[in-house]
Amino acid sequence: MSELKILGAGAVPNMPWQDKPAKPVNGPLWRYTENPVIGRNPIPGVARIFNSAVVAVDGRFVGVFRGEQTDGVPHIYWGESEDALHWDISPEKIPFTDENGEPFMPHYAYDPRFLKVEDTYYAIWCQDFYGAAIGMAKTTDFKTFTRLENPFIPYNRNAVLFPRKINGNYMLLSRPSDSGHTPFGDIFVSESPDLTYWGKHRHVMGRGSAWWESVKIGGGAAPIETTEGWLLFYHGVSGTCNGFVYSIGGAILDIDNPSIVKYRCRRFLLTPEEDFEERGFVPNVVFPCATIHDAATGRIAVYYGAADSYVGLAFTTLDEVVSFIKEHSSLSDDDKDLGKR
């Protein structure tokens, strides 16, 4: 039996799963054969759902979904599922409120993440705060979503909360950026005692020397706590004569100081290859936003946006993905240090 274990998470015996196919797979992830799991025009008024996040709750599954409205403005929608494959998505945007219970909707919102920390669920997304910035909200009943203060001033994107406090503080990955389609970007981690005041900002890792992540990188799914460290699926971007290409990468961060990278895979874990990943509103994109993982078996399902048009699903196991990352690891000096200057 493997010594590797998923920590801090329970069993999810009904999570979606397909065994690895017999044909060769160029990496540790293999795609669901019925992809995409969410197609175009999924609900009235929404043309595309992608870059969305789901979690397992008491034998069922819930999620927050980036819905690109038919006027082009993105907002966040709520969805539920019995099998995490077939989703019942509300046609109404999530009704965010302020701390007094008054309606408080973002001007736009996109690329949400969703996870539980202690007894509360948190949604984190990108929104307008006089420029691209991070929005956050909390819920305990999936009916009332109370917005929190923006953790940072503009410009920032790709915020990913850790699923537990570290050394008594909440931890948040982010990717400082500019106001446009950022042609650069590194991952940083920040901490907070109360989700209001953020500090102790540390550099985690920069864009890599490998072609597939040479333009910028950004956090993906919430890190998975394991006996080897924090398993992080992130996105890496390359530049081509035909535009950007988004791929999925993998790294393992130190369990107590996640600004320190223990292993970083120099090869992508998944890159656009299928028709629904290469062709869409924004072609050549696979963008991870969530995982469902089963501590009992080590199975991991990765949900990813495809071509800014669909939601795809891929599978791996803890043993396979960690072994692949370690086997192909390559670290810079910046990766290995505390990220403090």
C-alpha atoms as a PDB file:
ATOM      1  CA  MET A   1       0.000   0.000   0.000  1.00  0.00           C
ATOM      2  CA  SER A   2       1.235   3.489  -0.871  1.00  0.00           C
ATOM      3  CA  GLU A   3       2.656   5.670   1.881  1.00  0.00           C
ATOM      4  CA  LEU A   4       1.246   8.726   0.111  1.00  0.00           C
ATOM      5  CA  LYS A   5      -2.025   9.934   1.609  1.00  0.00           C
ATOM      6  CA  ILE A   6      -4.512  12.732   1.069  1.00  0.00           C
ATOM      7  CA  LEU A   7      -4.989  14.589   4.345  1.00  0.00           C
ATOM      8  CA  GLY A   8      -7.750  16.825   5.686  1.00  0.00           C
ATOM      9  CA  ALA A   9     -10.432  15.350   3.435  1.00  0.00           C
ATOM     10  CA  GLY A  10     -12.885  12.516   3.823  1.00  0.00           C
ATOM     11  CA  ALA A  11     -14.014   9.732   1.563  1.00  0.00           C
ATOM     12  CA  VAL A  12     -16.035  10.572  -1.545  1.00  0.00           C
ATOM     13  CA  PRO A  13     -16.992   7.102  -2.798  1.00  0.00           C
ATOM     14  CA  ASN A  14     -19.468   8.450  -5.361  1.00  0.00           C
ATOM     15  CA  MET A  15     -17.041  10.853  -7.035  1.00  0.00           C
ATOM     16  CA  PRO A  16     -16.904  10.620 -10.839  1.00  0.00           C
ATOM     17  CA  TRP A  17     -14.253   8.225 -12.059  1.00  0.00           C
ATOM     18  CA  GLN A  18     -12.919   6.360 -15.070  1.00  0.00           C
ATOM     19  CA  ASP A  19      -9.911   4.069 -14.978  1.00  0.00           C
ATOM     20  CA  LYS A  20      -6.851   5.011 -16.975  1.00  0.00           C
ATOM     21  CA  PRO A  21      -7.258   3.915 -20.600  1.00  0.00           C
ATOM     22  CA  ALA A  22      -5.137   1.154 -22.090  1.00  0.00           C
ATOM     23  CA  LYS A  23      -3.817   3.431 -24.832  1.00  0.00           C
ATOM     24  CA  PRO A  24      -0.741   5.535 -23.941  1.00  0.00           C
ATOM     25  CA  VAL A  25      -1.419   8.836 -22.185  1.00  0.00           C
ATOM     26  CA  ASN A  26       1.232  11.543 -22.470  1.00  0.00           C
ATOM     27  CA  GLY A  27       1.150  12.570 -18.815  1.00  0.00           C
ATOM     28  CA  PRO A  28      -0.469  11.641 -15.488  1.00  0.00           C
ATOM     29  CA  LEU A  29      -3.972  12.977 -16.345  1.00  0.00           C
ATOM     30  CA  TRP A  30      -6.488  11.260 -18.590  1.00  0.00           C
ATOM     31  CA  ARG A  31      -9.680  12.814 -19.919  1.00  0.00           C
ATOM     32  CA  TYR A  32     -13.243  11.748 -19.239  1.00  0.00           C
ATOM     33  CA  THR A  33     -14.445  10.008 -22.383  1.00  0.00           C
ATOM     34  CA  GLU A  34     -17.777  11.879 -22.345  1.00  0.00           C
ATOM     35  CA  ASN A  35     -16.229  15.369 -22.220  1.00  0.00           C
ATOM     36  CA  PRO A  36     -17.280  18.109 -22.110  1.00  0.00           C
ATOM     37  CA  VAL A  37     -19.496  17.732 -19.043  1.00  0.00           C
ATOM     38  CA  ILE A  38     -21.068  21.181 -19.621  1.00  0.00           C
ATOM     39  CA  GLY A  39     -21.652  22.394 -23.175  1.00  0.00           C
ATOM     40  CA  ARG A  40     -22.712  25.650 -24.782  1.00  0.00           C
ATOM     41  CA  ASN A  41     -25.965  27.476 -24.008  1.00  0.00           C
ATOM     42  CA  PRO A  42     -26.512  25.533 -20.763  1.00  0.00           C
ATOM     43  CA  ILE A  43     -29.246  27.788 -19.322  1.00  0.00           C
ATOM     44  CA  PRO A  44     -31.355  30.675 -20.636  1.00  0.00           C
ATOM     45  CA  GLY A  45     -29.352  33.883 -21.011  1.00  0.00           C
ATOM     46  CA  VAL A  46     -25.969  32.163 -20.686  1.00  0.00           C
ATOM     47  CA  ALA A  47     -23.957  31.283 -23.779  1.00  0.00           C
ATOM     48  CA  ARG A  48     -21.054  29.457 -22.130  1.00  0.00           C
ATOM     49  CA  ILE A  49     -20.057  28.049 -18.739  1.00  0.00           C
ATOM     50  CA  PHE A  50     -16.369  27.395 -18.044  1.00  0.00           C
ATOM     51  CA  ASN A  51     -13.612  28.003 -15.445  1.00  0.00           C
ATOM     52  CA  SER A  52     -15.878  26.872 -12.610  1.00  0.00           C
ATOM     53  CA  ALA A  53     -15.475  25.152  -9.245  1.00  0.00           C
ATOM     54  CA  VAL A  54     -17.279  22.292  -7.497  1.00  0.00           C
ATOM     55  CA  VAL A  55     -17.137  20.574  -4.098  1.00  0.00           C
ATOM     56  CA  ALA A  56     -18.541  17.405  -2.544  1.00  0.00           C
ATOM     57  CA  VAL A  57     -21.060  17.908   0.274  1.00  0.00           C
ATOM     58  CA  ASP A  58     -22.802  15.087   2.156  1.00  0.00           C
ATOM     59  CA  GLY A  59     -22.976  12.656  -0.719  1.00  0.00           C
ATOM     60  CA  ARG A  60     -23.880  15.213  -3.383  1.00  0.00           C
ATOM     61  CA  PHE A  61     -22.064  17.949  -5.264  1.00  0.00           C
ATOM     62  CA  VAL A  62     -22.468  21.712  -5.478  1.00  0.00           C
ATOM     63  CA  GLY A  63     -20.617  24.386  -7.369  1.00  0.00           C
ATOM     64  CA  VAL A  64     -20.142  27.962  -8.493  1.00  0.00           C
ATOM     65  CA  PHE A  65     -20.035  28.493 -12.228  1.00  0.00           C
ATOM     66  CA  ARG A  66     -18.696  31.214 -14.487  1.00  0.00           C
ATOM     67  CA  GLY A  67     -21.593  32.018 -16.787  1.00  0.00           C
ATOM     68  CA  GLU A  68     -20.838  34.173 -19.792  1.00  0.00           C
ATOM     69  CA  GLN A  69     -24.136  35.957 -20.410  1.00  0.00           C
ATOM     70  CA  THR A  70     -25.478  36.524 -23.908  1.00  0.00           C
ATOM     71  CA  ASP A  71     -24.452  40.174 -23.548  1.00  0.00           C
ATOM     72  CA  GLY A  72     -20.871  39.043 -22.936  1.00  0.00           C
ATOM     73  CA  VAL A  73     -20.704  40.024 -19.243  1.00  0.00           C
ATOM     74  CA  PRO A  74     -19.610  37.191 -16.903  1.00  0.00           C
ATOM     75  CA  HIS A  75     -21.328  36.453 -13.593  1.00  0.00           C
ATOM     76  CA  ILE A  76     -21.386  33.574 -11.111  1.00  0.00           C
ATOM     77  CA  TYR A  77     -24.177  31.019 -11.003  1.00  0.00           C
ATOM     78  CA  TRP A  78     -25.079  28.222  -8.590  1.00  0.00           C
ATOM     79  CA  GLY A  79     -25.341  24.541  -9.503  1.00  0.00           C
ATOM     80  CA  GLU A  80     -26.098  21.175  -7.889  1.00  0.00           C
ATOM     81  CA  SER A  81     -25.568  17.583  -8.976  1.00  0.00           C
ATOM     82  CA  GLU A  82     -26.030  14.032  -7.729  1.00  0.00           C
ATOM     83  CA  ASP A  83     -23.079  12.646  -9.712  1.00  0.00           C
ATOM     84  CA  ALA A  84     -20.858  15.701 -10.422  1.00  0.00           C
ATOM     85  CA  LEU A  85     -21.384  15.089 -14.137  1.00  0.00           C
ATOM     86  CA  HIS A  86     -24.935  16.224 -14.832  1.00  0.00           C
ATOM     87  CA  TRP A  87     -25.587  19.662 -13.373  1.00  0.00           C
ATOM     88  CA  ASP A  88     -28.754  21.529 -12.472  1.00  0.00           C
ATOM     89  CA  ILE A  89     -27.636  25.149 -12.780  1.00  0.00           C
ATOM     90  CA  SER A  90     -29.838  27.986 -11.593  1.00  0.00           C
ATOM     91  CA  PRO A  91     -30.774  30.477 -14.327  1.00  0.00           C
ATOM     92  CA  GLU A  92     -30.414  33.304 -11.788  1.00  0.00           C
ATOM     93  CA  LYS A  93     -27.089  34.771 -10.731  1.00  0.00           C
ATOM     94  CA  ILE A  94     -25.996  34.095  -7.145  1.00  0.00           C
ATOM     95  CA  PRO A  95     -27.632  36.886  -5.072  1.00  0.00           C
ATOM     96  CA  PHE A  96     -24.634  38.259  -3.195  1.00  0.00           C
ATOM     97  CA  THR A  97     -25.293  40.520  -0.192  1.00  0.00           C
ATOM     98  CA  ASP A  98     -23.228  42.742   2.050  1.00  0.00           C
ATOM     99  CA  GLU A  99     -22.734  42.027   5.754  1.00  0.00           C
ATOM    100  CA  ASN A 100     -26.017  43.828   6.528  1.00  0.00           C
ATOM    101  CA  GLY A 101     -27.943  41.501   4.238  1.00  0.00           C
ATOM    102  CA  GLU A 102     -28.455  44.136   1.536  1.00  0.00           C
ATOM    103  CA  PRO A 103     -28.002  43.232  -2.139  1.00  0.00           C
ATOM    104  CA  PHE A 104     -24.389  43.766  -3.209  1.00  0.00           C
ATOM    105  CA  MET A 105     -23.739  42.401  -6.672  1.00  0.00           C
ATOM    106  CA  PRO A 106     -20.356  42.730  -8.413  1.00  0.00           C
ATOM    107  CA  HIS A 107     -20.317  44.578 -11.734  1.00  0.00           C
ATOM    108  CA  TYR A 108     -18.960  41.373 -13.220  1.00  0.00           C
ATOM    109  CA  ALA A 109     -17.406  38.221 -11.790  1.00  0.00           C
ATOM    110  CA  TYR A 110     -15.478  35.355 -13.322  1.00  0.00           C
ATOM    111  CA  ASP A 111     -13.202  32.340 -12.752  1.00  0.00           C
ATOM    112  CA  PRO A 112     -14.537  31.378  -9.299  1.00  0.00           C
ATOM    113  CA  ARG A 113     -12.985  28.916  -6.892  1.00  0.00           C
ATOM    114  CA  PHE A 114     -15.003  27.277  -4.122  1.00  0.00           C
ATOM    115  CA  LEU A 115     -13.944  25.380  -1.010  1.00  0.00           C
ATOM    116  CA  LYS A 116     -14.585  24.764   2.656  1.00  0.00           C
ATOM    117  CA  VAL A 117     -12.392  26.080   5.468  1.00  0.00           C
ATOM    118  CA  GLU A 118     -13.472  24.843   8.890  1.00  0.00           C
ATOM    119  CA  ASP A 119     -17.284  25.204   8.967  1.00  0.00           C
ATOM    120  CA  THR A 120     -17.672  27.812   6.208  1.00  0.00           C
ATOM    121  CA  TYR A 121     -17.626  27.673   2.406  1.00  0.00           C
ATOM    122  CA  TYR A 122     -15.849  30.421   0.487  1.00  0.00           C
ATOM    123  CA  ALA A 123     -16.191  31.541  -3.100  1.00  0.00           C
ATOM    124  CA  ILE A 124     -13.307  33.558  -4.561  1.00  0.00           C
ATOM    125  CA  TRP A 125     -13.360  35.160  -7.996  1.00  0.00           C
ATOM    126  CA  CYS A 126     -12.051  38.006 -10.150  1.00  0.00           C
ATOM    127  CA  GLN A 127     -14.159  41.151 -10.369  1.00  0.00           C
ATOM    128  CA  ASP A 128     -14.065  44.897 -10.913  1.00  0.00           C
ATOM    129  CA  PHE A 129     -12.725  46.894  -7.956  1.00  0.00           C
ATOM    130  CA  TYR A 130     -11.687  49.976  -9.931  1.00  0.00           C
ATOM    131  CA  GLY A 131      -9.664  47.530 -11.958  1.00  0.00           C
ATOM    132  CA  ALA A 132      -9.311  43.761 -12.014  1.00  0.00           C
ATOM    133  CA  ALA A 133      -9.224  42.522  -8.425  1.00  0.00           C
ATOM    134  CA  ILE A 134     -10.282  39.689  -6.142  1.00  0.00           C
ATOM    135  CA  GLY A 135     -13.774  39.226  -4.747  1.00  0.00           C
ATOM    136  CA  MET A 136     -14.744  36.904  -1.911  1.00  0.00           C
ATOM    137  CA  ALA A 137     -17.944  35.666  -0.285  1.00  0.00           C
ATOM    138  CA  LYS A 138     -18.883  33.161   2.401  1.00  0.00           C
ATOM    139  CA  THR A 139     -21.835  30.859   2.976  1.00  0.00           C
ATOM    140  CA  THR A 140     -22.888  28.120   5.360  1.00  0.00           C
ATOM    141  CA  ASP A 141     -26.244  27.232   3.808  1.00  0.00           C
ATOM    142  CA  PHE A 142     -25.663  27.762   0.041  1.00  0.00           C
ATOM    143  CA  LYS A 143     -28.534  30.230   0.048  1.00  0.00           C
ATOM    144  CA  THR A 144     -27.016  33.371   1.576  1.00  0.00           C
ATOM    145  CA  PHE A 145     -23.686  34.461   0.102  1.00  0.00           C
ATOM    146  CA  THR A 146     -22.164  37.329   2.095  1.00  0.00           C
ATOM    147  CA  ARG A 147     -19.412  39.280   0.392  1.00  0.00           C
ATOM    148  CA  LEU A 148     -16.228  40.067   2.288  1.00  0.00           C
ATOM    149  CA  GLU A 149     -13.862  42.967   1.835  1.00  0.00           C
ATOM    150  CA  ASN A 150     -11.590  42.764  -1.209  1.00  0.00           C
ATOM    151  CA  PRO A 151      -8.346  41.231   0.073  1.00  0.00           C
ATOM    152  CA  PHE A 152      -6.091  43.306  -2.214  1.00  0.00           C
ATOM    153  CA  ILE A 153      -6.196  46.468  -4.287  1.00  0.00           C
ATOM    154  CA  PRO A 154      -6.030  46.168  -8.100  1.00  0.00           C
ATOM    155  CA  TYR A 155      -4.537  44.553 -10.011  1.00  0.00           C
ATOM    156  CA  ASN A 156      -4.768  40.908  -9.101  1.00  0.00           C
ATOM    157  CA  ARG A 157      -6.327  37.670 -10.314  1.00  0.00           C
ATOM    158  CA  ASN A 158      -6.391  33.903  -9.818  1.00  0.00           C
ATOM    159  CA  ALA A 159      -6.994  33.891  -6.075  1.00  0.00           C
ATOM    160  CA  VAL A 160      -6.951  30.435  -4.491  1.00  0.00           C
ATOM    161  CA  LEU A 161      -7.649  29.886  -0.794  1.00  0.00           C
ATOM    162  CA  PHE A 162      -6.034  26.994   1.070  1.00  0.00           C
ATOM    163  CA  PRO A 163      -8.491  24.500   2.614  1.00  0.00           C
ATOM    164  CA  ARG A 164      -7.168  25.001   6.139  1.00  0.00           C
ATOM    165  CA  LYS A 165      -5.308  27.571   8.179  1.00  0.00           C
ATOM    166  CA  ILE A 166      -1.533  27.272   8.337  1.00  0.00           C
ATOM    167  CA  ASN A 167       0.160  28.367  11.550  1.00  0.00           C
ATOM    168  CA  GLY A 168      -3.168  29.884  12.623  1.00  0.00           C
ATOM    169  CA  ASN A 169      -3.703  32.041   9.525  1.00  0.00           C
ATOM    170  CA  TYR A 170      -5.733  31.782   6.338  1.00  0.00           C
ATOM    171  CA  MET A 171      -3.519  31.442   3.258  1.00  0.00           C
ATOM    172  CA  LEU A 172      -4.306  32.761  -0.219  1.00  0.00           C
ATOM    173  CA  LEU A 173      -2.501  32.328  -3.523  1.00  0.00           C
ATOM    174  CA  SER A 174      -2.828  35.117  -6.076  1.00  0.00           C
ATOM    175  CA  ARG A 175      -1.295  36.394  -9.304  1.00  0.00           C
ATOM    176  CA  PRO A 176      -0.614  40.164  -9.333  1.00  0.00           C
ATOM    177  CA  SER A 177      -1.244  41.517 -12.799  1.00  0.00           C
ATOM    178  CA  ASP A 178      -2.104  44.634 -14.743  1.00  0.00           C
ATOM    179  CA  SER A 179      -5.373  45.927 -16.159  1.00  0.00           C
ATOM    180  CA  GLY A 180      -5.213  44.044 -19.447  1.00  0.00           C
ATOM    181  CA  HIS A 181      -4.761  40.490 -20.666  1.00  0.00           C
ATOM    182  CA  THR A 182      -1.630  40.214 -18.564  1.00  0.00           C
ATOM    183  CA  PRO A 183       1.475  39.275 -20.564  1.00  0.00           C
ATOM    184  CA  PHE A 184       3.331  38.344 -17.348  1.00  0.00           C
ATOM    185  CA  GLY A 185       2.674  36.905 -13.922  1.00  0.00           C
ATOM    186  CA  ASP A 186       4.026  34.963 -10.940  1.00  0.00           C
ATOM    187  CA  ILE A 187       2.236  33.226  -8.078  1.00  0.00           C
ATOM    188  CA  PHE A 188       2.398  34.769  -4.593  1.00  0.00           C
ATOM    189  CA  VAL A 189       0.981  33.661  -1.240  1.00  0.00           C
ATOM    190  CA  SER A 190      -0.427  35.943   1.460  1.00  0.00           C
ATOM    191  CA  GLU A 191      -1.837  35.285   4.908  1.00  0.00           C
ATOM    192  CA  SER A 192      -4.515  36.724   7.169  1.00  0.00           C
ATOM    193  CA  PRO A 193      -5.768  36.126  10.702  1.00  0.00           C
ATOM    194  CA  ASP A 194      -9.339  37.144   9.828  1.00  0.00           C
ATOM    195  CA  LEU A 195      -9.849  37.293   6.026  1.00  0.00           C
ATOM    196  CA  THR A 196      -9.809  41.103   6.280  1.00  0.00           C
ATOM    197  CA  TYR A 197      -6.198  42.126   6.866  1.00  0.00           C
ATOM    198  CA  TRP A 198      -3.663  40.487   4.577  1.00  0.00           C
ATOM    199  CA  GLY A 199       0.109  40.548   4.791  1.00  0.00           C
ATOM    200  CA  LYS A 200       3.335  38.538   4.910  1.00  0.00           C
ATOM    201  CA  HIS A 201       3.246  38.350   1.117  1.00  0.00           C
ATOM    202  CA  ARG A 202       5.677  35.789  -0.255  1.00  0.00           C
ATOM    203  CA  HIS A 203       6.727  34.840  -3.774  1.00  0.00           C
ATOM    204  CA  VAL A 204       5.911  31.189  -4.517  1.00  0.00           C
ATOM    205  CA  MET A 205       7.107  30.652  -8.068  1.00  0.00           C
ATOM    206  CA  GLY A 206       7.600  32.539 -11.292  1.00  0.00           C
ATOM    207  CA  ARG A 207       6.861  31.744 -14.890  1.00  0.00           C
ATOM    208  CA  GLY A 208       9.039  28.875 -15.944  1.00  0.00           C
ATOM    209  CA  SER A 209      11.827  28.416 -18.447  1.00  0.00           C
ATOM    210  CA  ALA A 210       9.829  25.677 -20.162  1.00  0.00           C
ATOM    211  CA  TRP A 211       7.978  26.876 -23.254  1.00  0.00           C
ATOM    212  CA  TRP A 212       4.505  25.876 -22.030  1.00  0.00           C
ATOM    213  CA  GLU A 213       4.652  28.266 -19.007  1.00  0.00           C
ATOM    214  CA  SER A 214       7.089  30.905 -20.234  1.00  0.00           C
ATOM    215  CA  VAL A 215       4.626  33.845 -20.376  1.00  0.00           C
ATOM    216  CA  LYS A 216       2.797  33.608 -17.044  1.00  0.00           C
ATOM    217  CA  ILE A 217       1.391  31.218 -14.478  1.00  0.00           C
ATOM    218  CA  GLY A 218      -1.511  31.325 -12.041  1.00  0.00           C
ATOM    219  CA  GLY A 219      -3.153  29.281  -9.326  1.00  0.00           C
ATOM    220  CA  GLY A 220      -5.750  26.705 -10.284  1.00  0.00           C
ATOM    221  CA  ALA A 221      -7.639  24.379  -7.978  1.00  0.00           C
ATOM    222  CA  ALA A 222      -7.443  24.709  -4.205  1.00  0.00           C
ATOM    223  CA  PRO A 223      -4.272  22.942  -3.011  1.00  0.00           C
ATOM    224  CA  ILE A 224      -4.724  19.355  -1.844  1.00  0.00           C
ATOM    225  CA  GLU A 225      -3.081  18.536   1.483  1.00  0.00           C
ATOM    226  CA  THR A 226      -0.996  15.360   1.256  1.00  0.00           C
ATOM    227  CA  THR A 227       1.725  13.636   3.221  1.00  0.00           C
ATOM    228  CA  GLU A 228       4.210  14.917   0.587  1.00  0.00           C
ATOM    229  CA  GLY A 229       3.064  18.559   0.839  1.00  0.00           C
ATOM    230  CA  TRP A 230       0.439  20.748  -0.822  1.00  0.00           C
ATOM    231  CA  LEU A 231      -0.376  19.376  -4.280  1.00  0.00           C
ATOM    232  CA  LEU A 232      -1.090  22.329  -6.573  1.00  0.00           C
ATOM    233  CA  PHE A 233      -2.616  22.167 -10.029  1.00  0.00           C
ATOM    234  CA  TYR A 234      -1.937  25.500 -11.733  1.00  0.00           C
ATOM    235  CA  HIS A 235      -2.099  26.955 -15.235  1.00  0.00           C
ATOM    236  CA  GLY A 236       0.849  27.933 -17.377  1.00  0.00           C
ATOM    237  CA  VAL A 237       0.696  30.084 -20.497  1.00  0.00           C
ATOM    238  CA  SER A 238       2.866  30.092 -23.589  1.00  0.00           C
ATOM    239  CA  GLY A 239       2.927  32.571 -26.459  1.00  0.00           C
ATOM    240  CA  THR A 240       2.631  31.419 -30.058  1.00  0.00           C
ATOM    241  CA  CYS A 241       2.237  33.108 -33.437  1.00  0.00           C
ATOM    242  CA  ASN A 242      -1.479  32.342 -33.046  1.00  0.00           C
ATOM    243  CA  GLY A 243      -1.934  33.637 -29.500  1.00  0.00           C
ATOM    244  CA  PHE A 244      -1.699  32.250 -25.976  1.00  0.00           C
ATOM    245  CA  VAL A 245      -1.939  28.549 -25.080  1.00  0.00           C
ATOM    246  CA  TYR A 246      -3.053  27.568 -21.557  1.00  0.00           C
ATOM    247  CA  SER A 247      -1.891  24.231 -20.096  1.00  0.00           C
ATOM    248  CA  ILE A 248      -2.168  22.565 -16.680  1.00  0.00           C
ATOM    249  CA  GLY A 249       0.956  22.234 -14.547  1.00  0.00           C
ATOM    250  CA  GLY A 250       1.695  20.631 -11.191  1.00  0.00           C
ATOM    251  CA  ALA A 251       3.819  21.454  -8.145  1.00  0.00           C
ATOM    252  CA  ILE A 252       4.168  20.390  -4.520  1.00  0.00           C
ATOM    253  CA  LEU A 253       4.550  23.107  -1.891  1.00  0.00           C
ATOM    254  CA  ASP A 254       5.990  22.827   1.605  1.00  0.00           C
ATOM    255  CA  ILE A 255       3.274  21.914   4.081  1.00  0.00           C
ATOM    256  CA  ASP A 256       4.195  24.561   6.686  1.00  0.00           C
ATOM    257  CA  ASN A 257       5.692  27.240   4.422  1.00  0.00           C
ATOM    258  CA  PRO A 258       3.856  27.022   1.077  1.00  0.00           C
ATOM    259  CA  SER A 259       5.981  29.774  -0.453  1.00  0.00           C
ATOM    260  CA  ILE A 260       8.682  27.086  -0.664  1.00  0.00           C
ATOM    261  CA  VAL A 261       8.328  24.783  -3.668  1.00  0.00           C
ATOM    262  CA  LYS A 262       9.493  21.216  -3.037  1.00  0.00           C
ATOM    263  CA  TYR A 263       8.851  19.877  -6.537  1.00  0.00           C
ATOM    264  CA  ARG A 264       7.752  21.549  -9.769  1.00  0.00           C
ATOM    265  CA  CYS A 265       7.045  19.606 -12.909  1.00  0.00           C
ATOM    266  CA  ARG A 266       8.907  20.948 -15.926  1.00  0.00           C
ATOM    267  CA  ARG A 267       6.406  19.182 -18.192  1.00  0.00           C
ATOM    268  CA  PHE A 268       2.747  20.071 -18.485  1.00  0.00           C
ATOM    269  CA  LEU A 269       0.227  17.633 -17.034  1.00  0.00           C
ATOM    270  CA  LEU A 270      -2.423  18.409 -19.660  1.00  0.00           C
ATOM    271  CA  THR A 271      -2.427  20.666 -22.720  1.00  0.00           C
ATOM    272  CA  PRO A 272      -5.105  21.445 -25.331  1.00  0.00           C
ATOM    273  CA  GLU A 273      -5.439  18.489 -27.683  1.00  0.00           C
ATOM    274  CA  GLU A 274      -9.130  17.721 -28.043  1.00  0.00           C
ATOM    275  CA  ASP A 275     -11.420  19.605 -30.414  1.00  0.00           C
ATOM    276  CA  PHE A 276     -13.407  21.212 -27.567  1.00  0.00           C
ATOM    277  CA  GLU A 277     -10.145  22.471 -26.015  1.00  0.00           C
ATOM    278  CA  GLU A 278      -8.587  23.782 -29.230  1.00  0.00           C
ATOM    279  CA  ARG A 279     -11.721  25.347 -30.719  1.00  0.00           C
ATOM    280  CA  GLY A 280     -13.999  27.766 -28.878  1.00  0.00           C
ATOM    281  CA  PHE A 281     -14.518  31.367 -27.889  1.00  0.00           C
ATOM    282  CA  VAL A 282     -10.863  31.499 -26.784  1.00  0.00           C
ATOM    283  CA  PRO A 283      -9.025  28.607 -28.454  1.00  0.00           C
ATOM    284  CA  ASN A 284      -6.290  26.440 -26.963  1.00  0.00           C
ATOM    285  CA  VAL A 285      -7.179  26.665 -23.272  1.00  0.00           C
ATOM    286  CA  VAL A 286      -7.310  24.130 -20.455  1.00  0.00           C
ATOM    287  CA  PHE A 287      -7.737  26.003 -17.171  1.00  0.00           C
ATOM    288  CA  PRO A 288      -8.028  24.097 -13.843  1.00  0.00           C
ATOM    289  CA  CYS A 289     -10.336  25.501 -11.162  1.00  0.00           C
ATOM    290  CA  ALA A 290     -11.337  22.592  -8.918  1.00  0.00           C
ATOM    291  CA  THR A 291     -10.754  19.025  -7.840  1.00  0.00           C
ATOM    292  CA  ILE A 292     -12.845  16.374  -6.161  1.00  0.00           C
ATOM    293  CA  HIS A 293     -10.619  13.917  -4.330  1.00  0.00           C
ATOM    294  CA  ASP A 294     -11.221  10.764  -2.321  1.00  0.00           C
ATOM    295  CA  ALA A 295      -8.887  10.228   0.627  1.00  0.00           C
ATOM    296  CA  ALA A 296      -9.740   6.534   0.813  1.00  0.00           C
ATOM    297  CA  THR A 297      -8.552   5.663  -2.706  1.00  0.00           C
ATOM    298  CA  GLY A 298      -6.333   8.610  -3.666  1.00  0.00           C
ATOM    299  CA  ARG A 299      -8.485   9.264  -6.718  1.00  0.00           C
ATOM    300  CA  ILE A 300      -8.555  12.844  -8.029  1.00  0.00           C
ATOM    301  CA  ALA A 301     -10.934  14.400 -10.554  1.00  0.00           C
ATOM    302  CA  VAL A 302      -9.790  17.714 -12.044  1.00  0.00           C
ATOM    303  CA  TYR A 303     -12.380  20.133 -13.442  1.00  0.00           C
ATOM    304  CA  TYR A 304     -11.108  22.532 -16.058  1.00  0.00           C
ATOM    305  CA  GLY A 305     -12.390  25.197 -18.395  1.00  0.00           C
ATOM    306  CA  ALA A 306     -11.871  24.422 -22.072  1.00  0.00           C
ATOM    307  CA  ALA A 307     -11.501  27.089 -24.771  1.00  0.00           C
ATOM    308  CA  ASP A 308     -13.547  29.510 -22.633  1.00  0.00           C
ATOM    309  CA  SER A 309     -16.590  27.572 -23.821  1.00  0.00           C
ATOM    310  CA  TYR A 310     -16.933  24.281 -21.942  1.00  0.00           C
ATOM    311  CA  VAL A 311     -16.215  22.423 -18.712  1.00  0.00           C
ATOM    312  CA  GLY A 312     -13.997  19.368 -19.024  1.00  0.00           C
ATOM    313  CA  LEU A 313     -13.017  16.653 -16.575  1.00  0.00           C
ATOM    314  CA  ALA A 314      -9.800  14.680 -16.198  1.00  0.00           C
ATOM    315  CA  PHE A 315      -8.673  12.006 -13.754  1.00  0.00           C
ATOM    316  CA  THR A 316      -5.533  10.927 -11.959  1.00  0.00           C
ATOM    317  CA  THR A 317      -4.429   9.288  -8.726  1.00  0.00           C
ATOM    318  CA  LEU A 318      -2.341  10.786  -5.966  1.00  0.00           C
ATOM    319  CA  ASP A 319       0.411   8.224  -6.527  1.00  0.00           C
ATOM    320  CA  GLU A 320       0.568   8.793 -10.268  1.00  0.00           C
ATOM    321  CA  VAL A 321       0.548  12.582 -10.294  1.00  0.00           C
ATOM    322  CA  VAL A 322       2.991  12.989  -7.409  1.00  0.00           C
ATOM    323  CA  SER A 323       5.386  10.451  -8.935  1.00  0.00           C
ATOM    324  CA  PHE A 324       5.215  12.262 -12.278  1.00  0.00           C
ATOM    325  CA  ILE A 325       5.845  15.677 -10.711  1.00  0.00           C
ATOM    326  CA  LYS A 326       8.804  14.391  -8.708  1.00  0.00           C
ATOM    327  CA  GLU A 327      10.287  12.474 -11.632  1.00  0.00           C
ATOM    328  CA  HIS A 328      10.192  15.557 -13.884  1.00  0.00           C
ATOM    329  CA  SER A 329      10.872  18.191 -11.238  1.00  0.00           C
ATOM    330  CA  SER A 330      13.106  21.162 -11.943  1.00  0.00           C
ATOM    331  CA  LEU A 331      13.452  24.016  -9.430  1.00  0.00           C
ATOM    332  CA  SER A 332      14.941  27.486  -9.686  1.00  0.00           C
ATOM    333  CA  ASP A 333      16.603  29.189  -6.739  1.00  0.00           C
ATOM    334  CA  ASP A 334      13.491  31.412  -6.384  1.00  0.00           C
ATOM    335  CA  ASP A 335      11.290  28.325  -6.132  1.00  0.00           C
ATOM    336  CA  LYS A 336      13.319  26.891  -3.268  1.00  0.00           C
ATOM    337  CA  ASP A 337      13.618  29.954  -1.036  1.00  0.00           C
ATOM    338  CA  LEU A 338      11.066  31.539   1.329  1.00  0.00           C
ATOM    339  CA  GLY A 339      10.070  34.142  -1.272  1.00  0.00           C
ATOM    340  CA  LYS A 340      10.960  37.056   0.995  1.00  0.00           C
ATOM    341  CA  ARG A 341      13.236  39.912  -0.057  1.00  0.00           C
END
